[in-house]
C-alpha atoms as a PDB file:
ATOM      1  CA  MET A   1      54.317 -82.526  34.089  1.00  0.00           C
ATOM      2  CA  GLU A   2      53.908 -79.053  35.558  1.00  0.00           C
ATOM      3  CA  ASP A   3      57.146 -77.901  33.879  1.00  0.00           C
ATOM      4  CA  ASN A   4      55.964 -79.284  30.533  1.00  0.00           C
ATOM      5  CA  GLY A   5      52.671 -77.411  30.853  1.00  0.00           C
ATOM      6  CA  LYS A   6      54.467 -74.187  31.701  1.00  0.00           C
ATOM      7  CA  ARG A   7      56.839 -74.636  28.755  1.00  0.00           C
ATOM      8  CA  LYS A   8      53.922 -75.216  26.390  1.00  0.00           C
ATOM      9  CA  ARG A   9      52.196 -72.039  27.582  1.00  0.00           C
ATOM     10  CA  THR A  10      55.454 -70.097  27.139  1.00  0.00           C
ATOM     11  CA  ASP A  11      55.954 -71.540  23.651  1.00  0.00           C
ATOM     12  CA  LYS A  12      52.371 -70.695  22.705  1.00  0.00           C
ATOM     13  CA  LYS A  13      52.792 -67.126  23.948  1.00  0.00           C
ATOM     14  CA  LEU A  14      56.034 -66.767  21.983  1.00  0.00           C
ATOM     15  CA  ILE A  15      54.451 -68.111  18.785  1.00  0.00           C
ATOM     16  CA  ARG A  16      51.475 -65.795  19.299  1.00  0.00           C
ATOM     17  CA  MET A  17      53.747 -62.748  19.465  1.00  0.00           C
ATOM     18  CA  GLN A  18      55.649 -63.945  16.390  1.00  0.00           C
ATOM     19  CA  VAL A  19      52.362 -64.244  14.495  1.00  0.00           C
ATOM     20  CA  ILE A  20      51.306 -60.730  15.524  1.00  0.00           C
ATOM     21  CA  LYS A  21      54.657 -59.274  14.469  1.00  0.00           C
ATOM     22  CA  ALA A  22      54.641 -61.084  11.117  1.00  0.00           C
ATOM     23  CA  ALA A  23      51.037 -60.048  10.458  1.00  0.00           C
ATOM     24  CA  ALA A  24      51.753 -56.414  11.344  1.00  0.00           C
ATOM     25  CA  GLU A  25      54.632 -56.272   8.851  1.00  0.00           C
ATOM     26  CA  ALA A  26      52.696 -58.042   6.106  1.00  0.00           C
ATOM     27  CA  PHE A  27      49.500 -55.991   6.554  1.00  0.00           C
ATOM     28  CA  SER A  28      51.376 -52.667   6.554  1.00  0.00           C
ATOM     29  CA  GLN A  29      53.516 -53.497   3.522  1.00  0.00           C
ATOM     30  CA  LYS A  30      50.936 -55.257   1.311  1.00  0.00           C
ATOM     31  CA  GLY A  31      47.566 -54.183   2.673  1.00  0.00           C
ATOM     32  CA  ILE A  32      45.258 -56.406   4.699  1.00  0.00           C
ATOM     33  CA  LYS A  33      43.239 -57.836   1.814  1.00  0.00           C
ATOM     34  CA  ASN A  34      46.365 -59.042   0.021  1.00  0.00           C
ATOM     35  CA  VAL A  35      47.599 -61.091   2.993  1.00  0.00           C
ATOM     36  CA  ARG A  36      46.006 -64.483   3.666  1.00  0.00           C
ATOM     37  CA  MET A  37      46.179 -66.363   6.938  1.00  0.00           C
ATOM     38  CA  ASP A  38      47.951 -69.102   4.939  1.00  0.00           C
ATOM     39  CA  ASP A  39      50.659 -66.591   3.987  1.00  0.00           C
ATOM     40  CA  ILE A  40      51.292 -65.730   7.632  1.00  0.00           C
ATOM     41  CA  ALA A  41      51.447 -69.395   8.653  1.00  0.00           C
ATOM     42  CA  SER A  42      53.864 -70.173   5.805  1.00  0.00           C
ATOM     43  CA  SER A  43      56.133 -67.228   6.630  1.00  0.00           C
ATOM     44  CA  LEU A  44      56.582 -68.599  10.153  1.00  0.00           C
ATOM     45  CA  SER A  45      56.700 -72.276   9.135  1.00  0.00           C
ATOM     46  CA  ILE A  46      53.755 -73.133  11.355  1.00  0.00           C
ATOM     47  CA  SER A  47      50.611 -75.049  10.468  1.00  0.00           C
ATOM     48  CA  LYS A  48      47.287 -73.388   9.698  1.00  0.00           C
ATOM     49  CA  ARG A  49      45.847 -75.387  12.570  1.00  0.00           C
ATOM     50  CA  THR A  50      48.302 -73.774  14.993  1.00  0.00           C
ATOM     51  CA  LEU A  51      47.488 -70.327  13.615  1.00  0.00           C
ATOM     52  CA  TYR A  52      43.735 -70.826  13.938  1.00  0.00           C
ATOM     53  CA  GLU A  53      44.155 -72.126  17.477  1.00  0.00           C
ATOM     54  CA  LEU A  54      45.650 -68.730  18.306  1.00  0.00           C
ATOM     55  CA  PHE A  55      43.308 -66.524  16.260  1.00  0.00           C
ATOM     56  CA  ALA A  56      39.845 -67.453  15.015  1.00  0.00           C
ATOM     57  CA  ASP A  57      40.162 -65.360  11.852  1.00  0.00           C
ATOM     58  CA  LYS A  58      42.012 -62.491  10.206  1.00  0.00           C
ATOM     59  CA  GLU A  59      39.925 -59.819  11.909  1.00  0.00           C
ATOM     60  CA  GLU A  60      40.729 -61.165  15.372  1.00  0.00           C
ATOM     61  CA  LEU A  61      44.408 -61.126  14.457  1.00  0.00           C
ATOM     62  CA  LEU A  62      44.125 -57.601  13.035  1.00  0.00           C
ATOM     63  CA  VAL A  63      42.476 -56.317  16.224  1.00  0.00           C
ATOM     64  CA  GLU A  64      45.423 -57.648  18.198  1.00  0.00           C
ATOM     65  CA  VAL A  65      47.916 -56.080  15.765  1.00  0.00           C
ATOM     66  CA  VAL A  66      46.209 -52.704  16.183  1.00  0.00           C
ATOM     67  CA  ARG A  67      45.922 -53.068  19.967  1.00  0.00           C
ATOM     68  CA  ILE A  68      49.606 -53.879  20.428  1.00  0.00           C
ATOM     69  CA  HIS A  69      50.644 -51.071  18.093  1.00  0.00           C
ATOM     70  CA  ARG A  70      48.563 -48.661  20.182  1.00  0.00           C
ATOM     71  CA  GLU A  71      50.298 -49.835  23.355  1.00  0.00           C
ATOM     72  CA  GLU A  72      53.720 -49.458  21.735  1.00  0.00           C
ATOM     73  CA  VAL A  73      52.878 -45.909  20.618  1.00  0.00           C
ATOM     74  CA  LYS A  74      51.674 -45.005  24.119  1.00  0.00           C
ATOM     75  CA  GLU A  75      54.888 -46.338  25.635  1.00  0.00           C
ATOM     76  CA  TYR A  76      57.056 -44.539  23.071  1.00  0.00           C
ATOM     77  CA  MET A  77      55.215 -41.257  23.587  1.00  0.00           C
ATOM     78  CA  ALA A  78      55.420 -41.573  27.377  1.00  0.00           C
ATOM     79  CA  ASN A  79      59.202 -41.891  27.057  1.00  0.00           C
ATOM     80  CA  VAL A  80      59.345 -38.878  24.712  1.00  0.00           C
ATOM     81  CA  ALA A  81      57.198 -36.815  27.096  1.00  0.00           C
ATOM     82  CA  MET A  82      59.473 -37.633  30.039  1.00  0.00           C
ATOM     83  CA  LYS A  83      62.464 -36.123  28.224  1.00  0.00           C
ATOM     84  CA  ALA A  84      60.682 -33.233  26.486  1.00  0.00           C
ATOM     85  CA  ASP A  85      60.951 -29.638  27.665  1.00  0.00           C
ATOM     86  CA  ASN A  86      57.639 -28.653  26.072  1.00  0.00           C
ATOM     87  CA  VAL A  87      54.571 -30.045  24.290  1.00  0.00           C
ATOM     88  CA  LEU A  88      55.853 -29.299  20.785  1.00  0.00           C
ATOM     89  CA  GLU A  89      58.789 -31.607  21.362  1.00  0.00           C
ATOM     90  CA  VAL A  90      56.245 -34.350  22.087  1.00  0.00           C
ATOM     91  CA  ILE A  91      54.399 -33.663  18.807  1.00  0.00           C
ATOM     92  CA  ILE A  92      57.725 -33.649  16.956  1.00  0.00           C
ATOM     93  CA  GLY A  93      58.558 -37.007  18.549  1.00  0.00           C
ATOM     94  CA  PHE A  94      55.209 -38.387  17.360  1.00  0.00           C
ATOM     95  CA  TYR A  95      55.853 -36.963  13.895  1.00  0.00           C
ATOM     96  CA  GLU A  96      59.271 -38.618  13.648  1.00  0.00           C
ATOM     97  CA  MET A  97      57.921 -41.994  14.775  1.00  0.00           C
ATOM     98  CA  THR A  98      54.943 -41.879  12.389  1.00  0.00           C
ATOM     99  CA  ILE A  99      56.978 -40.743   9.382  1.00  0.00           C
ATOM    100  CA  GLY A 100      59.302 -43.699   9.980  1.00  0.00           C
ATOM    101  CA  GLU A 101      56.321 -46.070   9.979  1.00  0.00           C
ATOM    102  CA  PHE A 102      54.676 -44.514   6.916  1.00  0.00           C
ATOM    103  CA  LYS A 103      57.800 -45.134   4.836  1.00  0.00           C
ATOM    104  CA  HIS A 104      56.979 -48.842   5.103  1.00  0.00           C
ATOM    105  CA  THR A 105      53.177 -48.650   5.007  1.00  0.00           C
ATOM    106  CA  SER A 106      50.983 -49.202   1.959  1.00  0.00           C
ATOM    107  CA  ARG A 107      47.947 -47.049   1.272  1.00  0.00           C
ATOM    108  CA  PHE A 108      46.011 -50.293   0.962  1.00  0.00           C
ATOM    109  CA  PHE A 109      46.372 -50.828   4.701  1.00  0.00           C
ATOM    110  CA  PHE A 110      44.305 -47.710   5.475  1.00  0.00           C
ATOM    111  CA  GLU A 111      41.780 -48.511   2.752  1.00  0.00           C
ATOM    112  CA  ASP A 112      41.358 -52.123   3.862  1.00  0.00           C
ATOM    113  CA  ILE A 113      41.118 -51.552   7.602  1.00  0.00           C
ATOM    114  CA  LYS A 114      37.735 -49.833   7.248  1.00  0.00           C
ATOM    115  CA  LYS A 115      36.224 -53.130   6.117  1.00  0.00           C
ATOM    116  CA  TYR A 116      36.716 -54.688   9.558  1.00  0.00           C
ATOM    117  CA  PRO A 117      33.977 -53.504  11.965  1.00  0.00           C
ATOM    118  CA  LYS A 118      35.587 -54.881  15.139  1.00  0.00           C
ATOM    119  CA  VAL A 119      38.809 -53.047  14.358  1.00  0.00           C
ATOM    120  CA  MET A 120      36.967 -49.810  13.596  1.00  0.00           C
ATOM    121  CA  GLU A 121      35.031 -50.184  16.853  1.00  0.00           C
ATOM    122  CA  PHE A 122      38.306 -50.603  18.748  1.00  0.00           C
ATOM    123  CA  LEU A 123      39.809 -47.542  17.047  1.00  0.00           C
ATOM    124  CA  GLU A 124      36.736 -45.449  17.845  1.00  0.00           C
ATOM    125  CA  GLU A 125      36.851 -46.483  21.503  1.00  0.00           C
ATOM    126  CA  SER A 126      40.551 -45.624  21.579  1.00  0.00           C
ATOM    127  CA  ARG A 127      39.821 -42.220  20.072  1.00  0.00           C
ATOM    128  CA  LYS A 128      37.204 -41.506  22.749  1.00  0.00           C
ATOM    129  CA  GLU A 129      39.615 -42.560  25.492  1.00  0.00           C
ATOM    130  CA  ASN A 130      42.244 -40.190  24.114  1.00  0.00           C
ATOM    131  CA  ILE A 131      40.042 -37.081  24.081  1.00  0.00           C
ATOM    132  CA  ASN A 132      40.567 -36.094  27.723  1.00  0.00           C
ATOM    133  CA  SER A 133      44.330 -36.629  27.568  1.00  0.00           C
ATOM    134  CA  ALA A 134      44.477 -34.650  24.304  1.00  0.00           C
ATOM    135  CA  MET A 135      42.631 -31.731  25.889  1.00  0.00           C
ATOM    136  CA  ALA A 136      44.984 -31.827  28.883  1.00  0.00           C
ATOM    137  CA  PHE A 137      47.918 -31.852  26.462  1.00  0.00           C
ATOM    138  CA  TYR A 138      46.669 -28.753  24.626  1.00  0.00           C
ATOM    139  CA  GLN A 139      45.979 -26.993  27.932  1.00  0.00           C
ATOM    140  CA  LYS A 140      49.538 -27.708  29.024  1.00  0.00           C
ATOM    141  CA  GLY A 141      50.767 -26.112  25.791  1.00  0.00           C
ATOM    142  CA  VAL A 142      48.681 -23.016  26.525  1.00  0.00           C
ATOM    143  CA  GLU A 143      50.144 -22.836  30.033  1.00  0.00           C
ATOM    144  CA  GLN A 144      53.658 -23.132  28.588  1.00  0.00           C
ATOM    145  CA  GLY A 145      52.954 -20.183  26.289  1.00  0.00           C
ATOM    146  CA  ILE A 146      53.425 -22.394  23.226  1.00  0.00           C
ATOM    147  CA  PHE A 147      49.800 -22.905  22.133  1.00  0.00           C
ATOM    148  CA  ARG A 148      47.293 -20.098  21.594  1.00  0.00           C
ATOM    149  CA  GLU A 149      44.553 -19.434  24.133  1.00  0.00           C
ATOM    150  CA  ASP A 150      41.969 -18.337  21.527  1.00  0.00           C
ATOM    151  CA  VAL A 151      41.530 -21.763  19.883  1.00  0.00           C
ATOM    152  CA  ASN A 152      38.758 -24.325  20.396  1.00  0.00           C
ATOM    153  CA  TYR A 153      40.855 -27.446  20.842  1.00  0.00           C
ATOM    154  CA  HIS A 154      37.858 -29.787  20.689  1.00  0.00           C
ATOM    155  CA  ILE A 155      37.433 -28.657  17.078  1.00  0.00           C
ATOM    156  CA  VAL A 156      41.165 -29.070  16.451  1.00  0.00           C
ATOM    157  CA  GLN A 157      41.028 -32.645  17.762  1.00  0.00           C
ATOM    158  CA  GLU A 158      38.108 -33.560  15.469  1.00  0.00           C
ATOM    159  CA  MET A 159      39.835 -31.971  12.481  1.00  0.00           C
ATOM    160  CA  ILE A 160      42.977 -34.023  12.999  1.00  0.00           C
ATOM    161  CA  SER A 161      41.128 -37.325  13.276  1.00  0.00           C
ATOM    162  CA  GLY A 162      39.191 -36.778  10.046  1.00  0.00           C
ATOM    163  CA  GLN A 163      41.545 -34.994   7.670  1.00  0.00           C
ATOM    164  CA  MET A 164      43.989 -37.821   6.992  1.00  0.00           C
ATOM    165  CA  ASP A 165      41.269 -40.108   5.627  1.00  0.00           C
ATOM    166  CA  GLY A 166      39.840 -37.374   3.433  1.00  0.00           C
ATOM    167  CA  LEU A 167      43.227 -36.470   1.976  1.00  0.00           C
ATOM    168  CA  LEU A 168      44.111 -40.096   1.267  1.00  0.00           C
ATOM    169  CA  LYS A 169      40.999 -40.308  -0.920  1.00  0.00           C
ATOM    170  CA  ALA A 170      41.494 -36.919  -2.552  1.00  0.00           C
ATOM    171  CA  LEU A 171      45.230 -37.338  -3.256  1.00  0.00           C
ATOM    172  CA  PRO A 172      45.786 -40.921  -4.427  1.00  0.00           C
ATOM    173  CA  ASP A 173      49.206 -40.128  -5.924  1.00  0.00           C
ATOM    174  CA  CYS A 174      50.694 -38.416  -2.857  1.00  0.00           C
ATOM    175  CA  HIS A 175      52.994 -40.294  -0.496  1.00  0.00           C
ATOM    176  CA  LEU A 176      51.647 -40.973   2.980  1.00  0.00           C
ATOM    177  CA  GLU A 177      54.616 -39.179   4.529  1.00  0.00           C
ATOM    178  CA  GLU A 178      53.987 -36.021   2.508  1.00  0.00           C
ATOM    179  CA  ILE A 179      50.300 -35.866   3.460  1.00  0.00           C
ATOM    180  CA  PHE A 180      51.027 -36.496   7.129  1.00  0.00           C
ATOM    181  CA  GLU A 181      53.910 -34.015   7.238  1.00  0.00           C
ATOM    182  CA  THR A 182      51.767 -31.273   5.706  1.00  0.00           C
ATOM    183  CA  LEU A 183      48.936 -31.922   8.167  1.00  0.00           C
ATOM    184  CA  VAL A 184      51.217 -31.951  11.191  1.00  0.00           C
ATOM    185  CA  PHE A 185      52.982 -28.713  10.393  1.00  0.00           C
ATOM    186  CA  ILE A 186      49.827 -26.830   9.373  1.00  0.00           C
ATOM    187  CA  HIS A 187      48.342 -28.006  12.659  1.00  0.00           C
ATOM    188  CA  MET A 188      51.366 -26.969  14.728  1.00  0.00           C
ATOM    189  CA  ARG A 189      51.720 -23.589  13.044  1.00  0.00           C
ATOM    190  CA  GLY A 190      48.001 -22.851  13.310  1.00  0.00           C
ATOM    191  CA  ILE A 191      47.809 -23.323  17.079  1.00  0.00           C
ATOM    192  CA  SER A 192      51.255 -22.041  18.063  1.00  0.00           C
ATOM    193  CA  THR A 193      52.167 -18.711  19.600  1.00  0.00           C
ATOM    194  CA  GLU A 194      55.282 -16.831  18.470  1.00  0.00           C
ATOM    195  CA  LYS A 195      57.272 -18.847  21.005  1.00  0.00           C
ATOM    196  CA  GLY A 196      55.861 -22.065  19.589  1.00  0.00           C
ATOM    197  CA  LEU A 197      56.431 -21.020  15.988  1.00  0.00           C
ATOM    198  CA  LYS A 198      60.133 -20.515  16.692  1.00  0.00           C
ATOM    199  CA  ILE A 199      60.386 -24.134  17.858  1.00  0.00           C
ATOM    200  CA  VAL A 200      58.479 -25.362  14.784  1.00  0.00           C
ATOM    201  CA  ASN A 201      60.563 -23.281  12.366  1.00  0.00           C
ATOM    202  CA  ASP A 202      63.830 -24.372  13.987  1.00  0.00           C
ATOM    203  CA  PHE A 203      62.790 -28.006  13.567  1.00  0.00           C
ATOM    204  CA  LEU A 204      61.780 -27.477   9.922  1.00  0.00           C
ATOM    205  CA  ALA A 205      65.125 -25.809   9.223  1.00  0.00           C
ATOM    206  CA  GLN A 206      66.866 -28.812  10.766  1.00  0.00           C
ATOM    207  CA  LEU A 207      64.810 -31.157   8.567  1.00  0.00           C
ATOM    208  CA  LYS A 208      65.836 -29.232   5.440  1.00  0.00           C
ATOM    209  CA  ARG A 209      69.496 -29.474   6.410  1.00  0.00           C
ATOM    210  CA  GLU A 210      69.153 -33.226   6.941  1.00  0.00           C
ATOM    211  CA  HIS A 211      67.423 -33.674   3.567  1.00  0.00           C
ATOM    212  CA  LYS A 212      70.197 -31.746   1.798  1.00  0.00           C
ATOM    213  CA  SER A 213      72.905 -33.800   3.490  1.00  0.00           C
ATOM    214  CA  ASN A 214      71.163 -37.007   2.383  1.00  0.00           C
END
């Protein structure tokens, strides 16, 4: 009986992760509004009852999708930071990961997510938690001679968090990747010293070569 109970808990955990993965893919590709809980259940060949036993509603599922994505990003960035020689290599690693995600993400996802207060509350709490680590990151860049000393990095941090939303509204015909790429490289160039700019320019030159070869 104990083995059966353990197996059921394992199966439930496995199904839960499958639901989160399927929801993450569907939400990013189609937008949140366009994906019903029924669609997710059907895609996994599970009953609606099973789905609602795991998640009370779409918002609860979305919170978990966002939470797990945040943990995956943190893990990825920790691995990048371990191998990086300087802070710009970490930003470049984040850029490469995000560009890869944006190629498969609909604008509707970012428009729809604002309609879910629990998700927005989670994102705001996450942003607050990240402030101290972001400031430490910028300070490390200053110490490495890569970021400028004469910049208020609290202002920089607030600019980054708000500009993407504003540009998505202002430029409805632009691809997500193009908007993000422009923001990232304006940001990096604006705060970099001559030493930092060389790293940025070398990376941009490499990107151009890769685009031409493709």
